[in-house]
Each structure stands twice: as C-alpha cells, then as structure tokens.
Amino acid sequence: MPKIIINTPDAPAPIGPYNQAVKVNGMLFVSGQIAINPATGAMRTETLAEETCQVLRNLEAVLKAAGMDFSHVIKTTIFLSDMSLFTEVNELYATCFQGDFPARETVAVKGLPRNVNVEISMIAAE
C-alpha cells in the first residue's frame, strides 16, 4: 500500500519532521494546521476569527492539493488553548461544511505550537 505525500506551497511548510498530509488507500491524513500565512510566513493571530479562518484556509489548501475539499472530511480534531474559545471557533468551522458534518472532538490543551489558540487536523476520504 503505497503512501502519497501531499505538500503544497498554498499551505504553510511543516515546522518539524512531518508532511502536510499523507494519502493512503483513498484516505487523507492532514497534519494539524495553525494560523501561518503561507505567502508570508507570518502568524495571523490578531483576532480569534482571523486565526481560525487562516487555519481553515490552510486546511482547504491541503485538501485541494490532494484533489479533495471539505465534503471529503470524515473526522476532525480541534485543539484550543482554552474552551472559552469554543463557540466562536465552532461557528466559523461550521461554515466549511454543508450538512453532513464529520465526526469530531474538541479539546483544550495546555499549549500549542507558537502559542496559537487554535490547531485543527483532519482525516478525509475519497
């Protein structure tokens, strides 16, 4: 079962020893994305809405590079710096899907890369 590495310049380059996504047997495993603007390398964290939207744009770019979109997503994990951010992030997240929402968990963690408030990873299927 060969795996296909997915990397696109339209999403931030990995900041560690991993790839943006790996596709195997029609399944796409997307690494957690944070609010890095891929064009500039700058963090987009001025507001929680801006940060969340950048994360979602990065995820969309990786999905597109794999020939997929949000309709292919079957599972997501949302990491938050604090559960008090849940409602705002959830509202923006919901705009990416049309009815058939993926399975999901949302957890608050002690720390995230580059001290961001939001990181999201996904699993998608053809």
C-alpha atoms as a PDB file:
ATOM      1  CA  MET A   1       0.000   0.000   0.000  1.00  0.00           C
ATOM      2  CA  PRO A   2       1.971   2.994  -1.249  1.00  0.00           C
ATOM      3  CA  LYS A   3       1.558   6.270   0.525  1.00  0.00           C
ATOM      4  CA  ILE A   4       1.445   9.591  -1.298  1.00  0.00           C
ATOM      5  CA  ILE A   5       2.959  12.639   0.371  1.00  0.00           C
ATOM      6  CA  ILE A   6       0.939  15.823  -0.065  1.00  0.00           C
ATOM      7  CA  ASN A   7       2.693  19.175   0.217  1.00  0.00           C
ATOM      8  CA  THR A   8       1.560  22.434  -1.352  1.00  0.00           C
ATOM      9  CA  PRO A   9       3.022  25.953  -1.288  1.00  0.00           C
ATOM     10  CA  ASP A  10      -0.556  27.179  -0.693  1.00  0.00           C
ATOM     11  CA  ALA A  11      -0.348  25.985   2.921  1.00  0.00           C
ATOM     12  CA  PRO A  12       2.437  26.569   5.452  1.00  0.00           C
ATOM     13  CA  ALA A  13       5.521  24.407   5.146  1.00  0.00           C
ATOM     14  CA  PRO A  14       5.855  21.921   8.007  1.00  0.00           C
ATOM     15  CA  ILE A  15       7.745  23.305  11.003  1.00  0.00           C
ATOM     16  CA  GLY A  16       9.006  19.877  12.019  1.00  0.00           C
ATOM     17  CA  PRO A  17       9.675  16.367  10.719  1.00  0.00           C
ATOM     18  CA  TYR A  18       6.258  15.741   9.140  1.00  0.00           C
ATOM     19  CA  ASN A  19       4.302  16.403   5.935  1.00  0.00           C
ATOM     20  CA  GLN A  20       1.197  18.499   5.394  1.00  0.00           C
ATOM     21  CA  ALA A  21      -0.712  15.305   4.607  1.00  0.00           C
ATOM     22  CA  VAL A  22      -0.301  11.669   3.691  1.00  0.00           C
ATOM     23  CA  LYS A  23      -2.722   9.821   1.420  1.00  0.00           C
ATOM     24  CA  VAL A  24      -3.049   6.039   1.546  1.00  0.00           C
ATOM     25  CA  ASN A  25      -5.804   3.765   0.226  1.00  0.00           C
ATOM     26  CA  GLY A  26      -8.071   6.731  -0.559  1.00  0.00           C
ATOM     27  CA  MET A  27      -7.694   8.146   2.962  1.00  0.00           C
ATOM     28  CA  LEU A  28      -6.055  11.519   3.571  1.00  0.00           C
ATOM     29  CA  PHE A  29      -4.476  12.263   6.940  1.00  0.00           C
ATOM     30  CA  VAL A  30      -3.955  16.016   7.268  1.00  0.00           C
ATOM     31  CA  SER A  31      -1.490  17.272   9.868  1.00  0.00           C
ATOM     32  CA  GLY A  32      -2.618  19.906  12.309  1.00  0.00           C
ATOM     33  CA  GLN A  33      -2.658  23.381  10.825  1.00  0.00           C
ATOM     34  CA  ILE A  34      -2.125  26.630  12.678  1.00  0.00           C
ATOM     35  CA  ALA A  35      -2.593  30.232  11.536  1.00  0.00           C
ATOM     36  CA  ILE A  36       0.560  30.713   9.479  1.00  0.00           C
ATOM     37  CA  ASN A  37       0.056  32.712   6.290  1.00  0.00           C
ATOM     38  CA  PRO A  38       1.831  30.554   3.680  1.00  0.00           C
ATOM     39  CA  ALA A  39       2.610  33.550   1.459  1.00  0.00           C
ATOM     40  CA  THR A  40       4.458  35.495   4.146  1.00  0.00           C
ATOM     41  CA  GLY A  41       5.242  33.019   6.911  1.00  0.00           C
ATOM     42  CA  ALA A  42       3.644  35.465   9.363  1.00  0.00           C
ATOM     43  CA  MET A  43       1.243  34.377  12.075  1.00  0.00           C
ATOM     44  CA  ARG A  44      -2.371  35.567  11.628  1.00  0.00           C
ATOM     45  CA  THR A  45      -3.441  35.821  15.261  1.00  0.00           C
ATOM     46  CA  GLU A  46      -4.677  39.399  15.691  1.00  0.00           C
ATOM     47  CA  THR A  47      -8.213  38.142  16.437  1.00  0.00           C
ATOM     48  CA  LEU A  48      -9.593  34.680  17.104  1.00  0.00           C
ATOM     49  CA  ALA A  49     -11.728  34.936  13.945  1.00  0.00           C
ATOM     50  CA  GLU A  50      -8.714  35.811  11.791  1.00  0.00           C
ATOM     51  CA  GLU A  51      -6.707  32.989  13.337  1.00  0.00           C
ATOM     52  CA  THR A  52      -9.447  30.414  12.847  1.00  0.00           C
ATOM     53  CA  CYS A  53     -10.117  31.493   9.247  1.00  0.00           C
ATOM     54  CA  GLN A  54      -6.403  31.189   8.388  1.00  0.00           C
ATOM     55  CA  VAL A  55      -6.322  27.682   9.872  1.00  0.00           C
ATOM     56  CA  LEU A  56      -9.348  26.723   7.762  1.00  0.00           C
ATOM     57  CA  ARG A  57      -7.812  28.249   4.607  1.00  0.00           C
ATOM     58  CA  ASN A  58      -4.646  26.229   5.222  1.00  0.00           C
ATOM     59  CA  LEU A  59      -6.655  23.033   5.629  1.00  0.00           C
ATOM     60  CA  GLU A  60      -8.626  23.794   2.471  1.00  0.00           C
ATOM     61  CA  ALA A  61      -5.372  24.256   0.524  1.00  0.00           C
ATOM     62  CA  VAL A  62      -4.055  20.869   1.650  1.00  0.00           C
ATOM     63  CA  LEU A  63      -7.357  19.178   0.804  1.00  0.00           C
ATOM     64  CA  LYS A  64      -7.318  20.823  -2.642  1.00  0.00           C
ATOM     65  CA  ALA A  65      -3.739  19.672  -3.273  1.00  0.00           C
ATOM     66  CA  ALA A  66      -4.963  16.123  -2.652  1.00  0.00           C
ATOM     67  CA  GLY A  67      -7.910  16.577  -5.035  1.00  0.00           C
ATOM     68  CA  MET A  68     -10.433  16.896  -2.210  1.00  0.00           C
ATOM     69  CA  ASP A  69     -12.494  19.505  -0.398  1.00  0.00           C
ATOM     70  CA  PHE A  70     -14.338  19.804   2.920  1.00  0.00           C
ATOM     71  CA  SER A  71     -17.080  17.442   1.679  1.00  0.00           C
ATOM     72  CA  HIS A  72     -14.498  14.629   1.849  1.00  0.00           C
ATOM     73  CA  VAL A  73     -13.667  15.228   5.521  1.00  0.00           C
ATOM     74  CA  ILE A  74     -14.800  12.405   7.804  1.00  0.00           C
ATOM     75  CA  LYS A  75     -13.048  13.322  11.076  1.00  0.00           C
ATOM     76  CA  THR A  76     -11.531  16.417  12.621  1.00  0.00           C
ATOM     77  CA  THR A  77      -9.736  17.249  15.822  1.00  0.00           C
ATOM     78  CA  ILE A  78      -9.795  20.798  17.124  1.00  0.00           C
ATOM     79  CA  PHE A  79      -7.236  21.829  19.717  1.00  0.00           C
ATOM     80  CA  LEU A  80      -7.946  25.035  21.638  1.00  0.00           C
ATOM     81  CA  SER A  81      -5.833  26.938  24.117  1.00  0.00           C
ATOM     82  CA  ASP A  82      -8.983  27.432  26.225  1.00  0.00           C
ATOM     83  CA  MET A  83     -12.537  26.029  25.993  1.00  0.00           C
ATOM     84  CA  SER A  84     -13.904  29.565  26.294  1.00  0.00           C
ATOM     85  CA  LEU A  85     -12.961  29.913  22.596  1.00  0.00           C
ATOM     86  CA  PHE A  86     -15.207  27.024  21.564  1.00  0.00           C
ATOM     87  CA  THR A  87     -18.303  28.957  20.451  1.00  0.00           C
ATOM     88  CA  GLU A  88     -16.528  31.379  18.114  1.00  0.00           C
ATOM     89  CA  VAL A  89     -14.289  28.716  16.580  1.00  0.00           C
ATOM     90  CA  ASN A  90     -17.251  26.349  16.196  1.00  0.00           C
ATOM     91  CA  GLU A  91     -19.295  28.969  14.310  1.00  0.00           C
ATOM     92  CA  LEU A  92     -16.508  29.567  11.787  1.00  0.00           C
ATOM     93  CA  TYR A  93     -15.732  25.852  11.472  1.00  0.00           C
ATOM     94  CA  ALA A  94     -19.395  25.090  10.695  1.00  0.00           C
ATOM     95  CA  THR A  95     -19.314  27.352   7.617  1.00  0.00           C
ATOM     96  CA  CYS A  96     -16.954  24.887   5.874  1.00  0.00           C
ATOM     97  CA  PHE A  97     -19.458  22.032   5.795  1.00  0.00           C
ATOM     98  CA  GLN A  98     -22.824  21.550   4.091  1.00  0.00           C
ATOM     99  CA  GLY A  99     -24.974  19.412   6.373  1.00  0.00           C
ATOM    100  CA  ASP A 100     -23.131  16.106   6.614  1.00  0.00           C
ATOM    101  CA  PHE A 101     -20.716  17.127   9.333  1.00  0.00           C
ATOM    102  CA  PRO A 102     -17.661  14.980  10.064  1.00  0.00           C
ATOM    103  CA  ALA A 103     -17.052  13.233  13.358  1.00  0.00           C
ATOM    104  CA  ARG A 104     -15.053  15.458  15.687  1.00  0.00           C
ATOM    105  CA  GLU A 105     -13.549  16.046  19.067  1.00  0.00           C
ATOM    106  CA  THR A 106     -12.564  19.379  20.526  1.00  0.00           C
ATOM    107  CA  VAL A 107     -10.102  19.580  23.375  1.00  0.00           C
ATOM    108  CA  ALA A 108      -8.403  22.316  25.334  1.00  0.00           C
ATOM    109  CA  VAL A 109      -4.690  21.774  25.760  1.00  0.00           C
ATOM    110  CA  LYS A 110      -2.011  23.376  27.875  1.00  0.00           C
ATOM    111  CA  GLY A 111      -0.024  24.697  24.915  1.00  0.00           C
ATOM    112  CA  LEU A 112       0.029  24.729  21.124  1.00  0.00           C
ATOM    113  CA  PRO A 113       2.841  25.413  18.637  1.00  0.00           C
ATOM    114  CA  ARG A 114       3.878  29.070  18.523  1.00  0.00           C
ATOM    115  CA  ASN A 115       1.425  29.808  21.345  1.00  0.00           C
ATOM    116  CA  VAL A 116      -1.578  29.842  18.998  1.00  0.00           C
ATOM    117  CA  ASN A 117      -5.165  29.463  20.170  1.00  0.00           C
ATOM    118  CA  VAL A 118      -6.368  27.021  17.500  1.00  0.00           C
ATOM    119  CA  GLU A 119      -4.964  23.983  15.696  1.00  0.00           C
ATOM    120  CA  ILE A 120      -7.079  21.643  13.566  1.00  0.00           C
ATOM    121  CA  SER A 121      -6.223  18.298  11.977  1.00  0.00           C
ATOM    122  CA  MET A 122      -8.410  16.262   9.618  1.00  0.00           C
ATOM    123  CA  ILE A 123      -8.974  12.879   8.065  1.00  0.00           C
ATOM    124  CA  ALA A 124     -10.668  12.789   4.662  1.00  0.00           C
ATOM    125  CA  ALA A 125     -11.690  10.003   2.304  1.00  0.00           C
ATOM    126  CA  GLU A 126     -12.307   9.752  -1.437  1.00  0.00           C
END
